[in-house]
Amino acid sequence: MTPLLHSRSRNVVIYALLLLAVLTLGYGSRHFGKEYLTFLPPLVAKRVGDALWASAVMTILCLIFRRQSTLRLATTATLISFAIEFSQRYHAPWIDHIRSYPLGAIILGYSFYWLDLVAYLIGISLIVIIDLLIRPSER
C-alpha cells in the first residue's frame, strides 16, 4: 500500500507540536508579516497566512482522525477550506455577527478571493508532504 493511502496511526505528540508550530507561524504571519515577509512579493506575502490556515485544518484533521489515509484527510481539508472560502460570498447579519469576533473572523474570514484557494492547496500540500515524511510506512 502506498504511504498516501495507508492508515497507520499518527503520533499525537508530533502532530500536536506540528499544529502548535503552524498556529505560531500563522499568528506571526498576520501580525509581523508586513515587517518580516518583505522578501516575498506582496501578493504572495498576503497569502502565507491563508496557506497556514489550511495547514492548520489539515493538521487538526490528522490529530482527530489519526488512522485515516493522508489522501482522505487532504481531500477533506480541501473541501472544508474551499467551503469556508466560498461561504465568504454570503453576508447575512447572523454570519457577519460571528465574523465580528476575532475567532469567528479567523475561522470564517471576511471576503472571497480566488487566490486563497491556491494558498489553501499549497498549505494542505505542505502538511501532506510532512505527513508522508514523518509517518512510519507499512512494509
C-alpha atoms as a PDB file:
ATOM      1  CA  MET A   1       0.000   0.000   0.000  1.00  0.00           C
ATOM      2  CA  THR A   2       1.350   3.447  -0.843  1.00  0.00           C
ATOM      3  CA  PRO A   3       2.124   5.842   2.015  1.00  0.00           C
ATOM      4  CA  LEU A   4      -0.507   8.272   0.732  1.00  0.00           C
ATOM      5  CA  LEU A   5      -3.230   5.684   1.238  1.00  0.00           C
ATOM      6  CA  HIS A   6      -2.029   3.754   4.295  1.00  0.00           C
ATOM      7  CA  SER A   7      -3.781   4.005   7.621  1.00  0.00           C
ATOM      8  CA  ARG A   8      -1.157   3.666  10.320  1.00  0.00           C
ATOM      9  CA  SER A   9      -1.911   5.764  13.373  1.00  0.00           C
ATOM     10  CA  ARG A  10      -0.318   9.172  13.720  1.00  0.00           C
ATOM     11  CA  ASN A  11       1.668  10.163  16.820  1.00  0.00           C
ATOM     12  CA  VAL A  12      -0.447  12.636  18.822  1.00  0.00           C
ATOM     13  CA  VAL A  13       2.541  14.443  20.319  1.00  0.00           C
ATOM     14  CA  ILE A  14       4.218  15.018  16.960  1.00  0.00           C
ATOM     15  CA  TYR A  15       1.037  16.342  15.356  1.00  0.00           C
ATOM     16  CA  ALA A  16       0.188  18.500  18.379  1.00  0.00           C
ATOM     17  CA  LEU A  17       3.653  20.063  18.119  1.00  0.00           C
ATOM     18  CA  LEU A  18       3.186  20.473  14.373  1.00  0.00           C
ATOM     19  CA  LEU A  19      -0.150  22.211  14.986  1.00  0.00           C
ATOM     20  CA  LEU A  20       1.460  24.490  17.560  1.00  0.00           C
ATOM     21  CA  ALA A  21       4.190  25.391  15.038  1.00  0.00           C
ATOM     22  CA  VAL A  22       1.633  26.053  12.272  1.00  0.00           C
ATOM     23  CA  LEU A  23      -0.518  28.216  14.565  1.00  0.00           C
ATOM     24  CA  THR A  24       2.522  30.159  15.768  1.00  0.00           C
ATOM     25  CA  LEU A  25       3.695  30.780  12.204  1.00  0.00           C
ATOM     26  CA  GLY A  26       0.161  31.746  11.180  1.00  0.00           C
ATOM     27  CA  TYR A  27      -0.136  34.225  14.046  1.00  0.00           C
ATOM     28  CA  GLY A  28       3.288  35.619  13.207  1.00  0.00           C
ATOM     29  CA  SER A  29       2.438  35.965   9.531  1.00  0.00           C
ATOM     30  CA  ARG A  30      -0.650  38.025  10.355  1.00  0.00           C
ATOM     31  CA  HIS A  31       0.929  40.233  12.992  1.00  0.00           C
ATOM     32  CA  PHE A  32       4.501  40.589  11.774  1.00  0.00           C
ATOM     33  CA  GLY A  33       4.219  39.677   8.104  1.00  0.00           C
ATOM     34  CA  LYS A  34       4.494  43.232   6.819  1.00  0.00           C
ATOM     35  CA  GLU A  35       7.853  43.562   8.568  1.00  0.00           C
ATOM     36  CA  TYR A  36       9.359  40.115   8.003  1.00  0.00           C
ATOM     37  CA  LEU A  37       7.887  38.855   4.741  1.00  0.00           C
ATOM     38  CA  THR A  38       9.162  41.785   2.690  1.00  0.00           C
ATOM     39  CA  PHE A  39      11.353  39.427   0.622  1.00  0.00           C
ATOM     40  CA  LEU A  40       8.163  37.988  -0.905  1.00  0.00           C
ATOM     41  CA  PRO A  41       6.010  39.757  -3.484  1.00  0.00           C
ATOM     42  CA  PRO A  42       3.086  41.432  -1.662  1.00  0.00           C
ATOM     43  CA  LEU A  43       0.523  39.175  -3.336  1.00  0.00           C
ATOM     44  CA  VAL A  44       2.374  36.091  -2.061  1.00  0.00           C
ATOM     45  CA  ALA A  45       3.124  37.523   1.383  1.00  0.00           C
ATOM     46  CA  LYS A  46      -0.577  38.183   1.947  1.00  0.00           C
ATOM     47  CA  ARG A  47      -1.402  34.530   1.158  1.00  0.00           C
ATOM     48  CA  VAL A  48       1.094  32.994   3.624  1.00  0.00           C
ATOM     49  CA  GLY A  49      -1.429  33.211   6.456  1.00  0.00           C
ATOM     50  CA  ASP A  50      -4.082  31.594   4.277  1.00  0.00           C
ATOM     51  CA  ALA A  51      -1.779  28.696   3.414  1.00  0.00           C
ATOM     52  CA  LEU A  52      -1.007  28.250   7.107  1.00  0.00           C
ATOM     53  CA  TRP A  53      -4.723  28.374   7.953  1.00  0.00           C
ATOM     54  CA  ALA A  54      -5.359  25.429   5.625  1.00  0.00           C
ATOM     55  CA  SER A  55      -2.269  23.707   7.049  1.00  0.00           C
ATOM     56  CA  ALA A  56      -3.859  24.020  10.484  1.00  0.00           C
ATOM     57  CA  VAL A  57      -7.114  22.499   9.192  1.00  0.00           C
ATOM     58  CA  MET A  58      -5.178  19.558   7.745  1.00  0.00           C
ATOM     59  CA  THR A  59      -3.137  19.114  10.932  1.00  0.00           C
ATOM     60  CA  ILE A  60      -6.263  19.186  13.107  1.00  0.00           C
ATOM     61  CA  LEU A  61      -7.812  16.512  10.915  1.00  0.00           C
ATOM     62  CA  CYS A  62      -4.625  14.437  11.283  1.00  0.00           C
ATOM     63  CA  LEU A  63      -4.937  14.747  15.062  1.00  0.00           C
ATOM     64  CA  ILE A  64      -8.621  13.851  15.216  1.00  0.00           C
ATOM     65  CA  PHE A  65      -8.635  11.104  12.592  1.00  0.00           C
ATOM     66  CA  ARG A  66      -5.242   9.558  13.295  1.00  0.00           C
ATOM     67  CA  ARG A  67      -5.820   6.338  11.338  1.00  0.00           C
ATOM     68  CA  GLN A  68      -7.343   7.881   8.206  1.00  0.00           C
ATOM     69  CA  SER A  69      -5.353   7.957   4.987  1.00  0.00           C
ATOM     70  CA  THR A  70      -3.441  11.082   4.071  1.00  0.00           C
ATOM     71  CA  LEU A  71      -5.345  11.310   0.806  1.00  0.00           C
ATOM     72  CA  ARG A  72      -8.727  11.209   2.543  1.00  0.00           C
ATOM     73  CA  LEU A  73      -7.684  13.847   5.077  1.00  0.00           C
ATOM     74  CA  ALA A  74      -6.213  16.096   2.382  1.00  0.00           C
ATOM     75  CA  THR A  75      -9.437  15.832   0.398  1.00  0.00           C
ATOM     76  CA  THR A  76     -11.493  16.648   3.490  1.00  0.00           C
ATOM     77  CA  ALA A  77      -9.244  19.598   4.407  1.00  0.00           C
ATOM     78  CA  THR A  78      -9.557  20.936   0.860  1.00  0.00           C
ATOM     79  CA  LEU A  79     -13.353  20.621   0.903  1.00  0.00           C
ATOM     80  CA  ILE A  80     -13.580  22.351   4.297  1.00  0.00           C
ATOM     81  CA  SER A  81     -11.221  25.156   3.259  1.00  0.00           C
ATOM     82  CA  PHE A  82     -12.949  25.733  -0.072  1.00  0.00           C
ATOM     83  CA  ALA A  83     -16.419  25.641   1.539  1.00  0.00           C
ATOM     84  CA  ILE A  84     -15.422  28.255   4.091  1.00  0.00           C
ATOM     85  CA  GLU A  85     -13.850  30.425   1.382  1.00  0.00           C
ATOM     86  CA  PHE A  86     -16.976  30.249  -0.769  1.00  0.00           C
ATOM     87  CA  SER A  87     -19.118  30.985   2.309  1.00  0.00           C
ATOM     88  CA  GLN A  88     -17.382  34.367   2.448  1.00  0.00           C
ATOM     89  CA  ARG A  89     -19.547  35.397  -0.510  1.00  0.00           C
ATOM     90  CA  TYR A  90     -22.560  35.123   1.834  1.00  0.00           C
ATOM     91  CA  HIS A  91     -23.207  38.111   4.074  1.00  0.00           C
ATOM     92  CA  ALA A  92     -26.274  37.718   6.255  1.00  0.00           C
ATOM     93  CA  PRO A  93     -26.392  39.641   9.539  1.00  0.00           C
ATOM     94  CA  TRP A  94     -26.072  36.483  11.656  1.00  0.00           C
ATOM     95  CA  ILE A  95     -22.867  35.239   9.966  1.00  0.00           C
ATOM     96  CA  ASP A  96     -21.358  38.719   9.797  1.00  0.00           C
ATOM     97  CA  HIS A  97     -22.027  38.960  13.534  1.00  0.00           C
ATOM     98  CA  ILE A  98     -19.991  35.765  14.073  1.00  0.00           C
ATOM     99  CA  ARG A  99     -17.254  37.221  11.845  1.00  0.00           C
ATOM    100  CA  SER A 100     -17.177  40.351  14.040  1.00  0.00           C
ATOM    101  CA  TYR A 101     -15.486  38.309  16.803  1.00  0.00           C
ATOM    102  CA  PRO A 102     -11.755  37.551  16.450  1.00  0.00           C
ATOM    103  CA  LEU A 103     -12.204  33.753  16.474  1.00  0.00           C
ATOM    104  CA  GLY A 104     -15.110  33.977  14.039  1.00  0.00           C
ATOM    105  CA  ALA A 105     -13.012  36.139  11.736  1.00  0.00           C
ATOM    106  CA  ILE A 106     -10.087  33.698  11.870  1.00  0.00           C
ATOM    107  CA  ILE A 107     -12.279  30.690  11.126  1.00  0.00           C
ATOM    108  CA  LEU A 108     -14.735  32.189   8.627  1.00  0.00           C
ATOM    109  CA  GLY A 109     -12.821  35.087   7.097  1.00  0.00           C
ATOM    110  CA  TYR A 110     -14.455  38.127   5.520  1.00  0.00           C
ATOM    111  CA  SER A 111     -14.348  38.155   1.748  1.00  0.00           C
ATOM    112  CA  PHE A 112     -13.890  35.688  -1.075  1.00  0.00           C
ATOM    113  CA  TYR A 113     -10.649  35.858  -3.031  1.00  0.00           C
ATOM    114  CA  TRP A 114      -9.803  33.148  -5.567  1.00  0.00           C
ATOM    115  CA  LEU A 115      -6.056  33.213  -4.791  1.00  0.00           C
ATOM    116  CA  ASP A 116      -6.903  31.999  -1.293  1.00  0.00           C
ATOM    117  CA  LEU A 117      -7.945  28.701  -2.894  1.00  0.00           C
ATOM    118  CA  VAL A 118      -4.449  28.328  -4.344  1.00  0.00           C
ATOM    119  CA  ALA A 119      -2.920  29.183  -0.966  1.00  0.00           C
ATOM    120  CA  TYR A 120      -5.087  26.523   0.700  1.00  0.00           C
ATOM    121  CA  LEU A 121      -3.870  23.881  -1.726  1.00  0.00           C
ATOM    122  CA  ILE A 122      -0.262  24.865  -1.031  1.00  0.00           C
ATOM    123  CA  GLY A 123      -0.781  24.781   2.751  1.00  0.00           C
ATOM    124  CA  ILE A 124      -2.505  21.407   2.665  1.00  0.00           C
ATOM    125  CA  SER A 125       0.181  20.035   0.346  1.00  0.00           C
ATOM    126  CA  LEU A 126       2.844  21.126   2.828  1.00  0.00           C
ATOM    127  CA  ILE A 127       1.234  19.053   5.586  1.00  0.00           C
ATOM    128  CA  VAL A 128       0.749  16.114   3.207  1.00  0.00           C
ATOM    129  CA  ILE A 129       4.493  16.165   2.478  1.00  0.00           C
ATOM    130  CA  ILE A 130       5.331  16.405   6.186  1.00  0.00           C
ATOM    131  CA  ASP A 131       2.851  13.623   6.955  1.00  0.00           C
ATOM    132  CA  LEU A 132       4.412  11.349   4.356  1.00  0.00           C
ATOM    133  CA  LEU A 133       7.900  12.073   5.712  1.00  0.00           C
ATOM    134  CA  ILE A 134       7.215  11.538   9.421  1.00  0.00           C
ATOM    135  CA  ARG A 135       4.702   8.678   9.455  1.00  0.00           C
ATOM    136  CA  PRO A 136       6.054   5.157   9.564  1.00  0.00           C
ATOM    137  CA  SER A 137       5.352   3.406   6.310  1.00  0.00           C
ATOM    138  CA  GLU A 138       3.818  -0.019   6.116  1.00  0.00           C
ATOM    139  CA  ARG A 139       6.344  -2.536   4.896  1.00  0.00           C
END
